[in-house]
Amino acid sequence: MPHLAFRSSSHRDADNELYDRGAELIESATEIRRLVTSPEAAPALPALLGCLESALSELAGASAALQET
C-alpha cells in the first residue's frame, strides 16, 4: 500500500490549495468507484467504509464552515 504524503500548504494560496484538494477528492472518488467492483477488494471494504465515514464527517464540517463565510 502506498504511503500517503501530505504536502505543506503554507506556501500556496488558499484558492489554489482548495481547488487542488477538490480535484484530488474527485480523483479519489472515481478510483474508489472503479476499484470496489473488483472481487479482490472485499477484504478492504470495512476499512474503506471507515475512511468514507471519516471523510464525510470532515466534508460536513467544511460545508458548515462554508455556510458561515
N, C-alpha and C. Protein backbone atom coordinates (compact mmCIF):
# COMPACT_ATOMS: atom_id res chain seq x y z
N MET A 1 0.84 -1.17 0.00
CA MET A 1 0.00 0.00 0.00
C MET A 1 0.89 1.23 0.00
N PRO A 2 0.62 2.21 -0.89
CA PRO A 2 1.46 3.39 -0.94
C PRO A 2 1.28 4.26 0.29
N HIS A 3 2.35 4.92 0.66
CA HIS A 3 2.31 5.84 1.79
C HIS A 3 1.74 7.17 1.31
N LEU A 4 0.78 7.71 2.07
CA LEU A 4 0.20 8.99 1.70
C LEU A 4 1.07 10.11 2.27
N ALA A 5 1.51 10.98 1.42
CA ALA A 5 2.33 12.11 1.84
C ALA A 5 1.49 13.38 1.78
N PHE A 6 1.44 14.10 2.87
CA PHE A 6 0.69 15.34 2.91
C PHE A 6 1.65 16.49 2.67
N ARG A 7 1.31 17.29 1.70
CA ARG A 7 2.16 18.42 1.35
C ARG A 7 1.84 19.62 2.22
N SER A 8 2.84 20.38 2.50
CA SER A 8 2.67 21.61 3.25
C SER A 8 1.96 22.63 2.37
N SER A 9 0.96 23.28 2.92
CA SER A 9 0.23 24.27 2.14
C SER A 9 0.60 25.69 2.55
N SER A 10 1.60 25.86 3.40
CA SER A 10 1.95 27.18 3.89
C SER A 10 2.40 28.13 2.79
N HIS A 11 2.91 27.60 1.71
CA HIS A 11 3.43 28.44 0.64
C HIS A 11 2.46 28.62 -0.52
N ARG A 12 1.26 28.09 -0.41
CA ARG A 12 0.30 28.16 -1.52
C ARG A 12 -0.87 29.06 -1.17
N ASP A 13 -1.43 29.67 -2.18
CA ASP A 13 -2.64 30.46 -1.98
C ASP A 13 -3.80 29.54 -1.65
N ALA A 14 -4.68 30.02 -0.80
CA ALA A 14 -5.81 29.20 -0.36
C ALA A 14 -6.70 28.78 -1.54
N ASP A 15 -6.91 29.66 -2.50
CA ASP A 15 -7.79 29.30 -3.62
C ASP A 15 -7.20 28.17 -4.44
N ASN A 16 -5.90 28.20 -4.69
CA ASN A 16 -5.27 27.10 -5.43
C ASN A 16 -5.27 25.82 -4.62
N GLU A 17 -5.00 25.93 -3.34
CA GLU A 17 -4.98 24.75 -2.47
C GLU A 17 -6.36 24.10 -2.41
N LEU A 18 -7.40 24.90 -2.25
CA LEU A 18 -8.76 24.34 -2.19
C LEU A 18 -9.15 23.69 -3.50
N TYR A 19 -8.82 24.32 -4.61
CA TYR A 19 -9.13 23.74 -5.91
C TYR A 19 -8.42 22.40 -6.08
N ASP A 20 -7.13 22.38 -5.76
CA ASP A 20 -6.35 21.14 -5.90
C ASP A 20 -6.91 20.03 -5.02
N ARG A 21 -7.26 20.36 -3.79
CA ARG A 21 -7.81 19.34 -2.88
C ARG A 21 -9.16 18.84 -3.39
N GLY A 22 -9.98 19.73 -3.94
CA GLY A 22 -11.25 19.31 -4.51
C GLY A 22 -11.05 18.38 -5.70
N ALA A 23 -10.07 18.70 -6.54
CA ALA A 23 -9.78 17.84 -7.69
C ALA A 23 -9.27 16.48 -7.23
N GLU A 24 -8.44 16.47 -6.19
CA GLU A 24 -7.94 15.19 -5.64
C GLU A 24 -9.09 14.37 -5.05
N LEU A 25 -10.05 15.05 -4.46
CA LEU A 25 -11.22 14.36 -3.90
C LEU A 25 -12.01 13.66 -5.01
N ILE A 26 -12.20 14.36 -6.10
CA ILE A 26 -12.91 13.76 -7.24
C ILE A 26 -12.13 12.59 -7.81
N GLU A 27 -10.83 12.76 -7.95
CA GLU A 27 -9.98 11.69 -8.47
C GLU A 27 -10.05 10.45 -7.57
N SER A 28 -9.98 10.67 -6.27
CA SER A 28 -10.05 9.55 -5.33
C SER A 28 -11.40 8.85 -5.40
N ALA A 29 -12.47 9.63 -5.45
CA ALA A 29 -13.81 9.04 -5.53
C ALA A 29 -13.97 8.21 -6.80
N THR A 30 -13.43 8.70 -7.90
CA THR A 30 -13.51 7.97 -9.17
C THR A 30 -12.77 6.64 -9.08
N GLU A 31 -11.58 6.66 -8.49
CA GLU A 31 -10.80 5.44 -8.35
C GLU A 31 -11.46 4.46 -7.38
N ILE A 32 -12.01 4.96 -6.29
CA ILE A 32 -12.72 4.09 -5.34
C ILE A 32 -13.88 3.40 -6.05
N ARG A 33 -14.63 4.18 -6.80
CA ARG A 33 -15.78 3.62 -7.53
C ARG A 33 -15.33 2.50 -8.48
N ARG A 34 -14.21 2.71 -9.13
CA ARG A 34 -13.69 1.71 -10.06
C ARG A 34 -13.21 0.47 -9.31
N LEU A 35 -12.50 0.67 -8.23
CA LEU A 35 -11.86 -0.45 -7.54
C LEU A 35 -12.81 -1.33 -6.73
N VAL A 36 -13.89 -0.77 -6.23
CA VAL A 36 -14.78 -1.57 -5.37
C VAL A 36 -15.49 -2.68 -6.14
N THR A 37 -15.49 -2.61 -7.45
CA THR A 37 -16.14 -3.66 -8.22
C THR A 37 -15.27 -4.91 -8.37
N SER A 38 -14.02 -4.82 -7.95
CA SER A 38 -13.12 -5.96 -8.04
C SER A 38 -13.39 -6.94 -6.91
N PRO A 39 -13.48 -8.23 -7.21
CA PRO A 39 -13.66 -9.23 -6.16
C PRO A 39 -12.53 -9.21 -5.12
N GLU A 40 -11.34 -8.82 -5.54
CA GLU A 40 -10.21 -8.78 -4.62
C GLU A 40 -10.32 -7.64 -3.61
N ALA A 41 -11.24 -6.73 -3.82
CA ALA A 41 -11.40 -5.58 -2.93
C ALA A 41 -12.17 -5.91 -1.65
N ALA A 42 -12.85 -7.03 -1.63
CA ALA A 42 -13.72 -7.37 -0.50
C ALA A 42 -13.05 -7.24 0.87
N PRO A 43 -11.83 -7.72 1.07
CA PRO A 43 -11.22 -7.60 2.40
C PRO A 43 -10.99 -6.14 2.84
N ALA A 44 -10.86 -5.24 1.90
CA ALA A 44 -10.60 -3.84 2.23
C ALA A 44 -11.86 -3.02 2.45
N LEU A 45 -13.02 -3.57 2.15
CA LEU A 45 -14.25 -2.79 2.22
C LEU A 45 -14.57 -2.26 3.61
N PRO A 46 -14.41 -3.03 4.69
CA PRO A 46 -14.68 -2.45 6.02
C PRO A 46 -13.79 -1.24 6.32
N ALA A 47 -12.52 -1.32 5.99
CA ALA A 47 -11.62 -0.18 6.21
C ALA A 47 -12.01 0.99 5.33
N LEU A 48 -12.39 0.71 4.09
CA LEU A 48 -12.83 1.77 3.19
C LEU A 48 -14.06 2.47 3.75
N LEU A 49 -15.01 1.71 4.27
CA LEU A 49 -16.21 2.32 4.84
C LEU A 49 -15.86 3.24 6.01
N GLY A 50 -14.89 2.84 6.83
CA GLY A 50 -14.44 3.69 7.92
C GLY A 50 -13.82 4.98 7.39
N CYS A 51 -13.03 4.86 6.34
CA CYS A 51 -12.43 6.04 5.72
C CYS A 51 -13.51 6.96 5.14
N LEU A 52 -14.49 6.37 4.49
CA LEU A 52 -15.56 7.18 3.91
C LEU A 52 -16.35 7.90 4.99
N GLU A 53 -16.60 7.20 6.09
CA GLU A 53 -17.32 7.83 7.21
C GLU A 53 -16.54 9.04 7.73
N SER A 54 -15.25 8.87 7.92
CA SER A 54 -14.41 9.98 8.40
C SER A 54 -14.36 11.12 7.40
N ALA A 55 -14.23 10.78 6.12
CA ALA A 55 -14.18 11.81 5.08
C ALA A 55 -15.48 12.59 5.02
N LEU A 56 -16.60 11.89 5.11
CA LEU A 56 -17.90 12.58 5.07
C LEU A 56 -18.08 13.49 6.27
N SER A 57 -17.58 13.06 7.42
CA SER A 57 -17.64 13.91 8.61
C SER A 57 -16.81 15.18 8.42
N GLU A 58 -15.61 15.03 7.86
CA GLU A 58 -14.76 16.20 7.59
C GLU A 58 -15.41 17.12 6.55
N LEU A 59 -16.02 16.53 5.53
CA LEU A 59 -16.67 17.34 4.50
C LEU A 59 -17.90 18.05 5.05
N ALA A 60 -18.60 17.43 5.98
CA ALA A 60 -19.73 18.09 6.63
C ALA A 60 -19.25 19.31 7.41
N GLY A 61 -18.12 19.16 8.09
CA GLY A 61 -17.53 20.30 8.80
C GLY A 61 -17.11 21.40 7.84
N ALA A 62 -16.53 21.04 6.72
CA ALA A 62 -16.14 22.03 5.72
C ALA A 62 -17.36 22.73 5.14
N SER A 63 -18.43 21.97 4.90
CA SER A 63 -19.65 22.55 4.38
C SER A 63 -20.25 23.55 5.38
N ALA A 64 -20.23 23.20 6.64
CA ALA A 64 -20.73 24.10 7.67
C ALA A 64 -19.90 25.38 7.72
N ALA A 65 -18.59 25.24 7.59
CA ALA A 65 -17.70 26.41 7.60
C ALA A 65 -17.98 27.29 6.37
N LEU A 66 -18.26 26.68 5.23
CA LEU A 66 -18.58 27.45 4.04
C LEU A 66 -19.85 28.25 4.22
N GLN A 67 -20.81 27.67 4.89
CA GLN A 67 -22.08 28.37 5.12
C GLN A 67 -21.91 29.59 6.02
N GLU A 68 -20.88 29.55 6.87
CA GLU A 68 -20.63 30.67 7.78
C GLU A 68 -19.86 31.80 7.12
N THR A 69 -19.28 31.55 5.94
CA THR A 69 -18.49 32.61 5.29
C THR A 69 -19.33 33.47 4.39
